[in-house]
Amino acid sequence: MRESIHALHCNFLCLRGTQSKRIRSSTALGISIGLTAVVLIQERKEGLMDRTWVAGVSVAEIIISQVVTQFFILLVQIILMLVFVLWVFQVYNRSAGNIPLLMVLALLQGMTGMSFGLVISAICGDENTALQVSIATFYPVLVLSGVLWPLEGMPTVLRYLGSALPMTYPAQAMRAAMGRGWGLEYEEVWRGFVLGITWFIVFLFIAGIGLRIRK
């Protein structure tokens, strides 16, 4: 009886640790989308964007300035999140994981969400539309990326679709970095970086196209 209770407790801790890493990835992506989802819309409504175009500022300069300024806010949010997860709530053993790599992964997820927020802000005309688009896109990604339900339990088509989403492989990389202490020499870790960087660049490119169309 005692062994059964101990085994159940160990399984619960393992499940809690795995889910916490996946939810942390979705949190980093979700909070960063909110940083930039309406920033360009507000500038257009206040007339700042028209003054920017008249001053001769290019689309690339606008995108870079938004990424740089919002990065520092994102950095503070990521640090606070990791402090609470690692030291306040002590979700898992810190000595067993790769904390610097986890920090970089969380920042990469945040920057991916930030670039996606710029896409929403560039193509939407008002705050209500931007809010609806962000919610309508974030929750399907949350479900299909294996955060709430494992990819192995999905149909084949959804499994391949979920593997290409910007949250799937980075969440697995976070789990491997903290749960096993793995580094970039492992495929499960470096492919999370590759997918995150790819989506970050793609979203910035789409945001630039959206700004050029609305210019």
C-alpha atoms as a PDB file:
ATOM      1  CA  MET A   1       0.000   0.000   0.000  1.00  0.00           C
ATOM      2  CA  ARG A   2       2.782   2.387   0.934  1.00  0.00           C
ATOM      3  CA  GLU A   3       4.668   1.585  -2.288  1.00  0.00           C
ATOM      4  CA  SER A   4       1.528   2.273  -4.354  1.00  0.00           C
ATOM      5  CA  ILE A   5       1.026   5.645  -2.701  1.00  0.00           C
ATOM      6  CA  HIS A   6       4.691   6.495  -3.247  1.00  0.00           C
ATOM      7  CA  ALA A   7       4.483   5.523  -6.924  1.00  0.00           C
ATOM      8  CA  LEU A   8       1.320   7.598  -7.364  1.00  0.00           C
ATOM      9  CA  HIS A   9       2.999  10.566  -5.716  1.00  0.00           C
ATOM     10  CA  CYS A  10       6.048  10.260  -7.998  1.00  0.00           C
ATOM     11  CA  ASN A  11       3.822  10.046 -11.085  1.00  0.00           C
ATOM     12  CA  PHE A  12       1.949  13.153  -9.950  1.00  0.00           C
ATOM     13  CA  LEU A  13       5.177  15.104  -9.451  1.00  0.00           C
ATOM     14  CA  CYS A  14       6.424  14.021 -12.877  1.00  0.00           C
ATOM     15  CA  LEU A  15       3.144  15.067 -14.508  1.00  0.00           C
ATOM     16  CA  ARG A  16       3.149  18.372 -12.646  1.00  0.00           C
ATOM     17  CA  GLY A  17       6.708  19.130 -13.714  1.00  0.00           C
ATOM     18  CA  THR A  18       6.015  18.273 -17.337  1.00  0.00           C
ATOM     19  CA  GLN A  19       2.857  20.369 -17.473  1.00  0.00           C
ATOM     20  CA  SER A  20       4.542  23.292 -15.721  1.00  0.00           C
ATOM     21  CA  LYS A  21       7.249  23.446 -18.399  1.00  0.00           C
ATOM     22  CA  ARG A  22       4.667  23.359 -21.190  1.00  0.00           C
ATOM     23  CA  ILE A  23       2.454  25.958 -19.526  1.00  0.00           C
ATOM     24  CA  ARG A  24       5.478  28.180 -18.926  1.00  0.00           C
ATOM     25  CA  SER A  25       6.191  28.129 -22.662  1.00  0.00           C
ATOM     26  CA  SER A  26       2.608  29.123 -23.451  1.00  0.00           C
ATOM     27  CA  THR A  27       2.764  31.863 -20.804  1.00  0.00           C
ATOM     28  CA  ALA A  28       5.898  33.364 -22.344  1.00  0.00           C
ATOM     29  CA  LEU A  29       4.238  33.360 -25.761  1.00  0.00           C
ATOM     30  CA  GLY A  30       0.880  34.649 -24.552  1.00  0.00           C
ATOM     31  CA  ILE A  31       2.059  37.593 -22.474  1.00  0.00           C
ATOM     32  CA  SER A  32       4.348  38.783 -25.258  1.00  0.00           C
ATOM     33  CA  ILE A  33       1.513  38.799 -27.803  1.00  0.00           C
ATOM     34  CA  GLY A  34      -0.320  41.259 -25.576  1.00  0.00           C
ATOM     35  CA  LEU A  35       2.706  43.577 -25.549  1.00  0.00           C
ATOM     36  CA  THR A  36       2.531  44.401 -29.251  1.00  0.00           C
ATOM     37  CA  ALA A  37      -0.945  43.366 -30.419  1.00  0.00           C
ATOM     38  CA  VAL A  38      -2.316  46.925 -30.291  1.00  0.00           C
ATOM     39  CA  VAL A  39       0.790  49.123 -30.227  1.00  0.00           C
ATOM     40  CA  LEU A  40       0.774  50.001 -33.943  1.00  0.00           C
ATOM     41  CA  ILE A  41      -3.008  50.460 -33.897  1.00  0.00           C
ATOM     42  CA  GLN A  42      -2.719  53.043 -31.144  1.00  0.00           C
ATOM     43  CA  GLU A  43       0.034  54.873 -33.001  1.00  0.00           C
ATOM     44  CA  ARG A  44      -2.106  55.007 -36.145  1.00  0.00           C
ATOM     45  CA  LYS A  45      -5.087  56.373 -34.216  1.00  0.00           C
ATOM     46  CA  GLU A  46      -2.970  59.025 -32.501  1.00  0.00           C
ATOM     47  CA  GLY A  47      -1.407  60.114 -35.781  1.00  0.00           C
ATOM     48  CA  LEU A  48       2.107  59.083 -34.772  1.00  0.00           C
ATOM     49  CA  MET A  49       2.408  56.636 -37.627  1.00  0.00           C
ATOM     50  CA  ASP A  50       1.624  59.325 -40.236  1.00  0.00           C
ATOM     51  CA  ARG A  51       4.281  61.589 -38.731  1.00  0.00           C
ATOM     52  CA  THR A  52       6.716  58.690 -38.817  1.00  0.00           C
ATOM     53  CA  TRP A  53       6.121  58.092 -42.526  1.00  0.00           C
ATOM     54  CA  VAL A  54       6.475  61.793 -43.293  1.00  0.00           C
ATOM     55  CA  ALA A  55       9.777  61.883 -41.390  1.00  0.00           C
ATOM     56  CA  GLY A  56      11.124  59.247 -43.773  1.00  0.00           C
ATOM     57  CA  VAL A  57      11.346  56.342 -41.332  1.00  0.00           C
ATOM     58  CA  SER A  58      11.420  52.979 -43.100  1.00  0.00           C
ATOM     59  CA  VAL A  59       9.353  49.899 -42.297  1.00  0.00           C
ATOM     60  CA  ALA A  60      12.420  48.012 -41.081  1.00  0.00           C
ATOM     61  CA  GLU A  61      13.302  50.811 -38.670  1.00  0.00           C
ATOM     62  CA  ILE A  62       9.776  50.791 -37.211  1.00  0.00           C
ATOM     63  CA  ILE A  63       9.853  47.028 -36.716  1.00  0.00           C
ATOM     64  CA  ILE A  64      13.321  47.093 -35.129  1.00  0.00           C
ATOM     65  CA  SER A  65      12.390  49.958 -32.804  1.00  0.00           C
ATOM     66  CA  GLN A  66       9.294  48.111 -31.606  1.00  0.00           C
ATOM     67  CA  VAL A  67      11.234  44.895 -31.017  1.00  0.00           C
ATOM     68  CA  VAL A  68      14.003  46.664 -29.092  1.00  0.00           C
ATOM     69  CA  THR A  69      11.707  48.727 -26.862  1.00  0.00           C
ATOM     70  CA  GLN A  70       9.355  45.853 -26.083  1.00  0.00           C
ATOM     71  CA  PHE A  71      12.260  43.469 -25.460  1.00  0.00           C
ATOM     72  CA  PHE A  72      13.158  45.113 -22.151  1.00  0.00           C
ATOM     73  CA  ILE A  73       9.579  44.818 -20.888  1.00  0.00           C
ATOM     74  CA  LEU A  74       9.549  41.196 -21.989  1.00  0.00           C
ATOM     75  CA  LEU A  75      12.863  40.568 -20.235  1.00  0.00           C
ATOM     76  CA  VAL A  76      11.468  41.786 -16.912  1.00  0.00           C
ATOM     77  CA  GLN A  77       8.376  39.597 -17.307  1.00  0.00           C
ATOM     78  CA  ILE A  78      10.417  36.494 -18.144  1.00  0.00           C
ATOM     79  CA  ILE A  79      12.756  37.048 -15.196  1.00  0.00           C
ATOM     80  CA  LEU A  80       9.843  37.438 -12.792  1.00  0.00           C
ATOM     81  CA  MET A  81       8.173  34.322 -14.172  1.00  0.00           C
ATOM     82  CA  LEU A  82      11.320  32.224 -13.741  1.00  0.00           C
ATOM     83  CA  VAL A  83      11.977  33.592 -10.260  1.00  0.00           C
ATOM     84  CA  PHE A  84       8.524  32.555  -9.112  1.00  0.00           C
ATOM     85  CA  VAL A  85       8.715  29.156 -10.823  1.00  0.00           C
ATOM     86  CA  LEU A  86      12.227  28.266  -9.667  1.00  0.00           C
ATOM     87  CA  TRP A  87      12.625  29.936  -6.282  1.00  0.00           C
ATOM     88  CA  VAL A  88       9.197  30.889  -4.934  1.00  0.00           C
ATOM     89  CA  PHE A  89       7.081  27.860  -5.877  1.00  0.00           C
ATOM     90  CA  GLN A  90      10.073  25.518  -6.413  1.00  0.00           C
ATOM     91  CA  VAL A  91       8.308  23.437  -9.044  1.00  0.00           C
ATOM     92  CA  TYR A  92      11.334  21.179  -9.557  1.00  0.00           C
ATOM     93  CA  ASN A  93      14.965  20.735  -8.579  1.00  0.00           C
ATOM     94  CA  ARG A  94      17.010  23.665  -9.905  1.00  0.00           C
ATOM     95  CA  SER A  95      20.316  21.798  -9.719  1.00  0.00           C
ATOM     96  CA  ALA A  96      19.122  19.185 -12.238  1.00  0.00           C
ATOM     97  CA  GLY A  97      18.266  21.650 -14.999  1.00  0.00           C
ATOM     98  CA  ASN A  98      19.976  24.056 -17.369  1.00  0.00           C
ATOM     99  CA  ILE A  99      18.709  27.427 -16.124  1.00  0.00           C
ATOM    100  CA  PRO A 100      20.634  29.689 -18.587  1.00  0.00           C
ATOM    101  CA  LEU A 101      19.333  27.678 -21.516  1.00  0.00           C
ATOM    102  CA  LEU A 102      15.807  27.864 -20.106  1.00  0.00           C
ATOM    103  CA  MET A 103      16.164  31.643 -19.858  1.00  0.00           C
ATOM    104  CA  VAL A 104      17.176  31.907 -23.506  1.00  0.00           C
ATOM    105  CA  LEU A 105      14.348  29.603 -24.599  1.00  0.00           C
ATOM    106  CA  ALA A 106      11.779  31.627 -22.663  1.00  0.00           C
ATOM    107  CA  LEU A 107      13.082  34.853 -24.198  1.00  0.00           C
ATOM    108  CA  LEU A 108      12.952  33.308 -27.658  1.00  0.00           C
ATOM    109  CA  GLN A 109       9.356  32.246 -27.091  1.00  0.00           C
ATOM    110  CA  GLY A 110       8.556  35.733 -25.870  1.00  0.00           C
ATOM    111  CA  MET A 111      10.139  37.347 -28.913  1.00  0.00           C
ATOM    112  CA  THR A 112       8.203  34.989 -31.182  1.00  0.00           C
ATOM    113  CA  GLY A 113       4.974  36.042 -29.497  1.00  0.00           C
ATOM    114  CA  MET A 114       6.066  39.672 -29.727  1.00  0.00           C
ATOM    115  CA  SER A 115       6.596  39.390 -33.483  1.00  0.00           C
ATOM    116  CA  PHE A 116       3.209  37.696 -33.868  1.00  0.00           C
ATOM    117  CA  GLY A 117       1.656  40.569 -31.934  1.00  0.00           C
ATOM    118  CA  LEU A 118       3.229  42.959 -34.431  1.00  0.00           C
ATOM    119  CA  VAL A 119       1.592  40.987 -37.241  1.00  0.00           C
ATOM    120  CA  ILE A 120      -1.803  41.360 -35.574  1.00  0.00           C
ATOM    121  CA  SER A 121      -1.204  45.054 -34.923  1.00  0.00           C
ATOM    122  CA  ALA A 122      -0.117  45.638 -38.532  1.00  0.00           C
ATOM    123  CA  ILE A 123      -3.097  43.961 -40.215  1.00  0.00           C
ATOM    124  CA  CYS A 124      -5.936  44.914 -37.829  1.00  0.00           C
ATOM    125  CA  GLY A 125      -7.666  48.270 -37.874  1.00  0.00           C
ATOM    126  CA  ASP A 126      -8.862  48.576 -34.271  1.00  0.00           C
ATOM    127  CA  GLU A 127      -8.257  47.167 -30.799  1.00  0.00           C
ATOM    128  CA  ASN A 128     -11.373  44.972 -30.728  1.00  0.00           C
ATOM    129  CA  THR A 129     -10.395  43.191 -33.919  1.00  0.00           C
ATOM    130  CA  ALA A 130      -6.839  42.723 -32.678  1.00  0.00           C
ATOM    131  CA  LEU A 131      -8.104  41.221 -29.419  1.00  0.00           C
ATOM    132  CA  GLN A 132     -10.394  38.815 -31.237  1.00  0.00           C
ATOM    133  CA  VAL A 133      -7.664  37.733 -33.653  1.00  0.00           C
ATOM    134  CA  SER A 134      -5.135  37.180 -30.856  1.00  0.00           C
ATOM    135  CA  ILE A 135      -7.542  35.022 -28.843  1.00  0.00           C
ATOM    136  CA  ALA A 136      -8.775  33.142 -31.925  1.00  0.00           C
ATOM    137  CA  THR A 137      -5.208  32.220 -32.899  1.00  0.00           C
ATOM    138  CA  PHE A 138      -3.596  31.670 -29.496  1.00  0.00           C
ATOM    139  CA  TYR A 139      -5.937  29.034 -28.105  1.00  0.00           C
ATOM    140  CA  PRO A 140      -5.839  26.717 -31.151  1.00  0.00           C
ATOM    141  CA  VAL A 141      -2.042  26.907 -30.994  1.00  0.00           C
ATOM    142  CA  LEU A 142      -2.218  26.145 -27.275  1.00  0.00           C
ATOM    143  CA  VAL A 143      -4.318  23.035 -27.870  1.00  0.00           C
ATOM    144  CA  LEU A 144      -2.510  21.712 -30.953  1.00  0.00           C
ATOM    145  CA  SER A 145       1.025  22.244 -29.626  1.00  0.00           C
ATOM    146  CA  GLY A 146       0.789  19.501 -27.020  1.00  0.00           C
ATOM    147  CA  VAL A 147       0.555  21.814 -24.011  1.00  0.00           C
ATOM    148  CA  LEU A 148      -2.895  20.676 -22.895  1.00  0.00           C
ATOM    149  CA  TRP A 149      -3.024  17.352 -24.739  1.00  0.00           C
ATOM    150  CA  PRO A 150      -0.059  15.224 -25.888  1.00  0.00           C
ATOM    151  CA  LEU A 151       0.698  15.063 -29.590  1.00  0.00           C
ATOM    152  CA  GLU A 152       0.730  11.274 -29.462  1.00  0.00           C
ATOM    153  CA  GLY A 153      -2.998  11.273 -28.697  1.00  0.00           C
ATOM    154  CA  MET A 154      -3.934  13.414 -31.703  1.00  0.00           C
ATOM    155  CA  PRO A 155      -4.891  12.275 -35.223  1.00  0.00           C
ATOM    156  CA  THR A 156      -2.046  12.080 -37.702  1.00  0.00           C
ATOM    157  CA  VAL A 157      -2.960  15.257 -39.580  1.00  0.00           C
ATOM    158  CA  LEU A 158      -3.238  17.318 -36.390  1.00  0.00           C
ATOM    159  CA  ARG A 159       0.003  15.820 -35.107  1.00  0.00           C
ATOM    160  CA  TYR A 160       1.951  17.045 -38.138  1.00  0.00           C
ATOM    161  CA  LEU A 161       0.193  20.399 -37.963  1.00  0.00           C
ATOM    162  CA  GLY A 162       0.966  20.757 -34.281  1.00  0.00           C
ATOM    163  CA  SER A 163       4.639  19.907 -34.829  1.00  0.00           C
ATOM    164  CA  ALA A 164       5.018  22.974 -37.063  1.00  0.00           C
ATOM    165  CA  LEU A 165       3.484  25.428 -34.594  1.00  0.00           C
ATOM    166  CA  PRO A 166       5.760  27.917 -32.795  1.00  0.00           C
ATOM    167  CA  MET A 167       5.071  26.512 -29.315  1.00  0.00           C
ATOM    168  CA  THR A 168       5.511  22.754 -29.788  1.00  0.00           C
ATOM    169  CA  TYR A 169       9.249  22.113 -30.100  1.00  0.00           C
ATOM    170  CA  PRO A 170      10.276  25.010 -27.798  1.00  0.00           C
ATOM    171  CA  ALA A 171       8.062  23.538 -25.066  1.00  0.00           C
ATOM    172  CA  GLN A 172       9.744  20.167 -25.545  1.00  0.00           C
ATOM    173  CA  ALA A 173      13.140  21.882 -25.457  1.00  0.00           C
ATOM    174  CA  MET A 174      12.248  23.530 -22.137  1.00  0.00           C
ATOM    175  CA  ARG A 175      11.253  20.166 -20.719  1.00  0.00           C
ATOM    176  CA  ALA A 176      14.519  18.584 -21.854  1.00  0.00           C
ATOM    177  CA  ALA A 177      16.666  21.488 -20.613  1.00  0.00           C
ATOM    178  CA  MET A 178      15.150  21.617 -17.127  1.00  0.00           C
ATOM    179  CA  GLY A 179      14.015  18.074 -16.534  1.00  0.00           C
ATOM    180  CA  ARG A 180      17.116  16.364 -17.928  1.00  0.00           C
ATOM    181  CA  GLY A 181      19.730  19.120 -18.022  1.00  0.00           C
ATOM    182  CA  TRP A 182      20.268  18.679 -21.773  1.00  0.00           C
ATOM    183  CA  GLY A 183      22.126  21.219 -23.883  1.00  0.00           C
ATOM    184  CA  LEU A 184      22.238  22.238 -27.524  1.00  0.00           C
ATOM    185  CA  GLU A 185      23.986  19.023 -28.522  1.00  0.00           C
ATOM    186  CA  TYR A 186      20.636  17.199 -28.278  1.00  0.00           C
ATOM    187  CA  GLU A 187      18.149  17.359 -31.142  1.00  0.00           C
ATOM    188  CA  GLU A 188      15.163  17.869 -28.860  1.00  0.00           C
ATOM    189  CA  VAL A 189      16.761  21.103 -27.630  1.00  0.00           C
ATOM    190  CA  TRP A 190      18.288  22.664 -30.742  1.00  0.00           C
ATOM    191  CA  ARG A 191      15.227  22.038 -32.900  1.00  0.00           C
ATOM    192  CA  GLY A 192      13.239  24.155 -30.425  1.00  0.00           C
ATOM    193  CA  PHE A 193      15.660  27.012 -31.078  1.00  0.00           C
ATOM    194  CA  VAL A 194      15.490  26.504 -34.843  1.00  0.00           C
ATOM    195  CA  LEU A 195      11.690  26.529 -34.911  1.00  0.00           C
ATOM    196  CA  GLY A 196      11.455  29.558 -32.613  1.00  0.00           C
ATOM    197  CA  ILE A 197      13.946  31.609 -34.625  1.00  0.00           C
ATOM    198  CA  THR A 198      12.246  30.622 -37.880  1.00  0.00           C
ATOM    199  CA  TRP A 199       8.809  31.739 -36.701  1.00  0.00           C
ATOM    200  CA  PHE A 200      10.287  34.951 -35.265  1.00  0.00           C
ATOM    201  CA  ILE A 201      11.773  35.897 -38.645  1.00  0.00           C
ATOM    202  CA  VAL A 202       8.633  34.868 -40.555  1.00  0.00           C
ATOM    203  CA  PHE A 203       6.364  36.917 -38.297  1.00  0.00           C
ATOM    204  CA  LEU A 204       8.593  39.990 -38.606  1.00  0.00           C
ATOM    205  CA  PHE A 205       8.543  39.639 -42.389  1.00  0.00           C
ATOM    206  CA  ILE A 206       4.741  39.392 -42.441  1.00  0.00           C
ATOM    207  CA  ALA A 207       4.452  42.380 -40.095  1.00  0.00           C
ATOM    208  CA  GLY A 208       6.648  44.403 -42.456  1.00  0.00           C
ATOM    209  CA  ILE A 209       4.437  43.467 -45.404  1.00  0.00           C
ATOM    210  CA  GLY A 210       1.343  44.493 -43.431  1.00  0.00           C
ATOM    211  CA  LEU A 211       2.860  47.869 -42.599  1.00  0.00           C
ATOM    212  CA  ARG A 212       3.771  48.486 -46.230  1.00  0.00           C
ATOM    213  CA  ILE A 213       0.227  47.716 -47.330  1.00  0.00           C
ATOM    214  CA  ARG A 214      -1.264  50.116 -44.763  1.00  0.00           C
ATOM    215  CA  LYS A 215       1.336  52.814 -45.443  1.00  0.00           C
END
